[in-house]
Amino acid sequence: MGRPQDCKLFSIDSPTNSMVTFTPNPPLFGIPISFNYSISNLSTTSRSTALFVGFFGDGDVVPFDSHVIQLQSNVTEYMLTDLYINTPLHSTSYTTMLALADDVNGFIDCVTFEFQF
């Protein structure tokens, strides 16, 4: 069985042409993280596109916390800045997954980070 940070566990096996930065780096326990996410050279997205942000405990395949951010559709690139996401107080060791998806193409992109405090 795959680990959540594989992204393949969720059948997300697309080439990543995205860039993610965040501050503070490394994040501080319990302090919101400011994410910047950009991706380009997409096929035109459909009418329902969203960015999923999930937090996974060690070895978990279901997130213990998640956020879904609805995005503009019918575009070929995204440049999202200052997405403030609260860090979980659930654990001092977790994986954060950002996954871009829409209703026609399914999962388009996936990026993960492992954090330990």
C-alpha atoms as a PDB file:
ATOM      1  CA  MET A   1       0.000   0.000   0.000  1.00  0.00           C
ATOM      2  CA  GLY A   2       1.288   3.462  -0.849  1.00  0.00           C
ATOM      3  CA  ARG A   3       1.984   6.267   1.533  1.00  0.00           C
ATOM      4  CA  PRO A   4      -0.142   9.431   1.319  1.00  0.00           C
ATOM      5  CA  GLN A   5       2.840  11.463   0.165  1.00  0.00           C
ATOM      6  CA  ASP A   6       3.142   9.232  -2.920  1.00  0.00           C
ATOM      7  CA  CYS A   7       0.091  10.879  -4.550  1.00  0.00           C
ATOM      8  CA  LYS A   8      -0.109   7.612  -6.537  1.00  0.00           C
ATOM      9  CA  LEU A   9      -2.269   6.234  -3.740  1.00  0.00           C
ATOM     10  CA  PHE A  10      -4.964   8.550  -5.105  1.00  0.00           C
ATOM     11  CA  SER A  11      -4.163   7.708  -8.764  1.00  0.00           C
ATOM     12  CA  ILE A  12      -2.482  11.080  -9.273  1.00  0.00           C
ATOM     13  CA  ASP A  13       0.301  10.233 -11.680  1.00  0.00           C
ATOM     14  CA  SER A  14       0.614  13.356 -13.793  1.00  0.00           C
ATOM     15  CA  PRO A  15       3.855  15.188 -14.476  1.00  0.00           C
ATOM     16  CA  THR A  16       4.160  18.060 -12.053  1.00  0.00           C
ATOM     17  CA  ASN A  17       4.638  21.438 -13.681  1.00  0.00           C
ATOM     18  CA  SER A  18       3.654  23.377 -10.607  1.00  0.00           C
ATOM     19  CA  MET A  19       5.528  25.436  -8.066  1.00  0.00           C
ATOM     20  CA  VAL A  20       4.640  25.758  -4.397  1.00  0.00           C
ATOM     21  CA  THR A  21       6.277  27.998  -1.833  1.00  0.00           C
ATOM     22  CA  PHE A  22       5.198  28.664   1.713  1.00  0.00           C
ATOM     23  CA  THR A  23       6.084  30.822   4.700  1.00  0.00           C
ATOM     24  CA  PRO A  24       7.156  30.446   7.377  1.00  0.00           C
ATOM     25  CA  ASN A  25       9.585  27.813   6.172  1.00  0.00           C
ATOM     26  CA  PRO A  26       9.761  25.627   8.119  1.00  0.00           C
ATOM     27  CA  PRO A  27       6.223  26.176   9.406  1.00  0.00           C
ATOM     28  CA  LEU A  28       5.645  26.764  13.096  1.00  0.00           C
ATOM     29  CA  PHE A  29       3.358  24.468  15.077  1.00  0.00           C
ATOM     30  CA  GLY A  30      -0.167  25.907  15.164  1.00  0.00           C
ATOM     31  CA  ILE A  31       0.660  29.005  13.089  1.00  0.00           C
ATOM     32  CA  PRO A  32      -1.084  29.572   9.706  1.00  0.00           C
ATOM     33  CA  ILE A  33       1.005  28.829   6.620  1.00  0.00           C
ATOM     34  CA  SER A  34       0.884  31.193   3.643  1.00  0.00           C
ATOM     35  CA  PHE A  35       1.024  29.144   0.418  1.00  0.00           C
ATOM     36  CA  ASN A  36       1.796  30.397  -3.080  1.00  0.00           C
ATOM     37  CA  TYR A  37       0.798  27.943  -5.819  1.00  0.00           C
ATOM     38  CA  SER A  38       1.322  28.301  -9.553  1.00  0.00           C
ATOM     39  CA  ILE A  39       0.857  25.910 -12.448  1.00  0.00           C
ATOM     40  CA  SER A  40       0.867  26.511 -16.196  1.00  0.00           C
ATOM     41  CA  ASN A  41       0.541  24.699 -19.525  1.00  0.00           C
ATOM     42  CA  LEU A  42      -2.747  23.062 -18.538  1.00  0.00           C
ATOM     43  CA  SER A  43      -5.423  21.843 -20.867  1.00  0.00           C
ATOM     44  CA  THR A  44      -8.353  24.186 -20.348  1.00  0.00           C
ATOM     45  CA  THR A  45      -9.982  23.298 -17.055  1.00  0.00           C
ATOM     46  CA  SER A  46     -13.676  22.545 -16.880  1.00  0.00           C
ATOM     47  CA  ARG A  47     -16.535  24.268 -15.121  1.00  0.00           C
ATOM     48  CA  SER A  48     -15.689  23.036 -11.624  1.00  0.00           C
ATOM     49  CA  THR A  49     -12.056  23.306 -10.522  1.00  0.00           C
ATOM     50  CA  ALA A  50     -10.734  23.163  -6.969  1.00  0.00           C
ATOM     51  CA  LEU A  51      -7.509  23.031  -4.990  1.00  0.00           C
ATOM     52  CA  PHE A  52      -7.557  20.419  -2.226  1.00  0.00           C
ATOM     53  CA  VAL A  53      -5.295  20.911   0.804  1.00  0.00           C
ATOM     54  CA  GLY A  54      -5.157  17.847   3.041  1.00  0.00           C
ATOM     55  CA  PHE A  55      -3.222  16.988   6.182  1.00  0.00           C
ATOM     56  CA  PHE A  56      -2.272  13.339   6.742  1.00  0.00           C
ATOM     57  CA  GLY A  57      -0.867  11.683   9.858  1.00  0.00           C
ATOM     58  CA  ASP A  58       2.057   9.276   9.566  1.00  0.00           C
ATOM     59  CA  GLY A  59       0.993   6.328   7.394  1.00  0.00           C
ATOM     60  CA  ASP A  60      -2.622   7.538   7.115  1.00  0.00           C
ATOM     61  CA  VAL A  61      -4.492   7.349   3.808  1.00  0.00           C
ATOM     62  CA  VAL A  62      -7.377   9.584   4.920  1.00  0.00           C
ATOM     63  CA  PRO A  63      -6.666  13.213   5.876  1.00  0.00           C
ATOM     64  CA  PHE A  64      -7.439  14.224   9.443  1.00  0.00           C
ATOM     65  CA  ASP A  65      -8.097  17.783   8.218  1.00  0.00           C
ATOM     66  CA  SER A  66      -8.684  19.255   4.771  1.00  0.00           C
ATOM     67  CA  HIS A  67      -9.724  22.391   2.928  1.00  0.00           C
ATOM     68  CA  VAL A  68     -11.221  22.722  -0.564  1.00  0.00           C
ATOM     69  CA  ILE A  69     -10.725  26.023  -2.363  1.00  0.00           C
ATOM     70  CA  GLN A  70     -12.975  26.608  -5.388  1.00  0.00           C
ATOM     71  CA  LEU A  71     -11.067  28.151  -8.314  1.00  0.00           C
ATOM     72  CA  GLN A  72     -11.906  29.964 -11.517  1.00  0.00           C
ATOM     73  CA  SER A  73     -12.529  27.539 -14.372  1.00  0.00           C
ATOM     74  CA  ASN A  74     -11.797  27.600 -18.112  1.00  0.00           C
ATOM     75  CA  VAL A  75      -8.169  28.643 -17.669  1.00  0.00           C
ATOM     76  CA  THR A  76      -4.803  27.161 -18.636  1.00  0.00           C
ATOM     77  CA  GLU A  77      -2.784  28.452 -15.685  1.00  0.00           C
ATOM     78  CA  TYR A  78      -3.146  29.458 -12.056  1.00  0.00           C
ATOM     79  CA  MET A  79      -1.073  31.806  -9.951  1.00  0.00           C
ATOM     80  CA  LEU A  80      -2.492  31.796  -6.437  1.00  0.00           C
ATOM     81  CA  THR A  81      -0.774  33.836  -3.742  1.00  0.00           C
ATOM     82  CA  ASP A  82      -1.209  34.212  -0.001  1.00  0.00           C
ATOM     83  CA  LEU A  83      -3.490  31.217   0.578  1.00  0.00           C
ATOM     84  CA  TYR A  84      -3.571  31.134   4.383  1.00  0.00           C
ATOM     85  CA  ILE A  85      -4.173  27.652   5.761  1.00  0.00           C
ATOM     86  CA  ASN A  86      -4.172  26.944   9.494  1.00  0.00           C
ATOM     87  CA  THR A  87      -1.698  24.267  10.474  1.00  0.00           C
ATOM     88  CA  PRO A  88      -3.270  21.429  12.403  1.00  0.00           C
ATOM     89  CA  LEU A  89      -2.825  21.014  16.128  1.00  0.00           C
ATOM     90  CA  HIS A  90      -3.548  17.284  15.728  1.00  0.00           C
ATOM     91  CA  SER A  91       0.022  16.079  15.387  1.00  0.00           C
ATOM     92  CA  THR A  92       3.608  17.267  15.396  1.00  0.00           C
ATOM     93  CA  SER A  93       4.395  15.130  12.339  1.00  0.00           C
ATOM     94  CA  TYR A  94       2.218  15.142   9.234  1.00  0.00           C
ATOM     95  CA  THR A  95       2.172  15.364   5.444  1.00  0.00           C
ATOM     96  CA  THR A  96       0.499  18.257   3.627  1.00  0.00           C
ATOM     97  CA  MET A  97      -0.927  17.530   0.170  1.00  0.00           C
ATOM     98  CA  LEU A  98      -2.001  20.126  -2.392  1.00  0.00           C
ATOM     99  CA  ALA A  99      -3.978  18.579  -5.253  1.00  0.00           C
ATOM    100  CA  LEU A 100      -5.581  20.394  -8.183  1.00  0.00           C
ATOM    101  CA  ALA A 101      -8.681  18.715  -9.615  1.00  0.00           C
ATOM    102  CA  ASP A 102     -11.681  19.393 -11.805  1.00  0.00           C
ATOM    103  CA  ASP A 103     -14.861  17.527 -12.724  1.00  0.00           C
ATOM    104  CA  VAL A 104     -13.742  16.484 -16.239  1.00  0.00           C
ATOM    105  CA  ASN A 105      -9.996  15.866 -15.946  1.00  0.00           C
ATOM    106  CA  GLY A 106     -10.013  14.504 -12.383  1.00  0.00           C
ATOM    107  CA  PHE A 107      -6.771  15.090 -10.499  1.00  0.00           C
ATOM    108  CA  ILE A 108      -4.428  17.323 -12.501  1.00  0.00           C
ATOM    109  CA  ASP A 109      -1.540  17.949 -10.137  1.00  0.00           C
ATOM    110  CA  CYS A 110      -0.303  16.898  -6.720  1.00  0.00           C
ATOM    111  CA  VAL A 111       2.456  18.228  -4.469  1.00  0.00           C
ATOM    112  CA  THR A 112       3.260  17.020  -0.951  1.00  0.00           C
ATOM    113  CA  PHE A 113       5.420  18.165   1.955  1.00  0.00           C
ATOM    114  CA  GLU A 114       6.330  16.352   5.157  1.00  0.00           C
ATOM    115  CA  PHE A 115       6.543  18.433   8.334  1.00  0.00           C
ATOM    116  CA  GLN A 116       7.902  17.520  11.753  1.00  0.00           C
ATOM    117  CA  PHE A 117       7.932  19.830  14.748  1.00  0.00           C
END
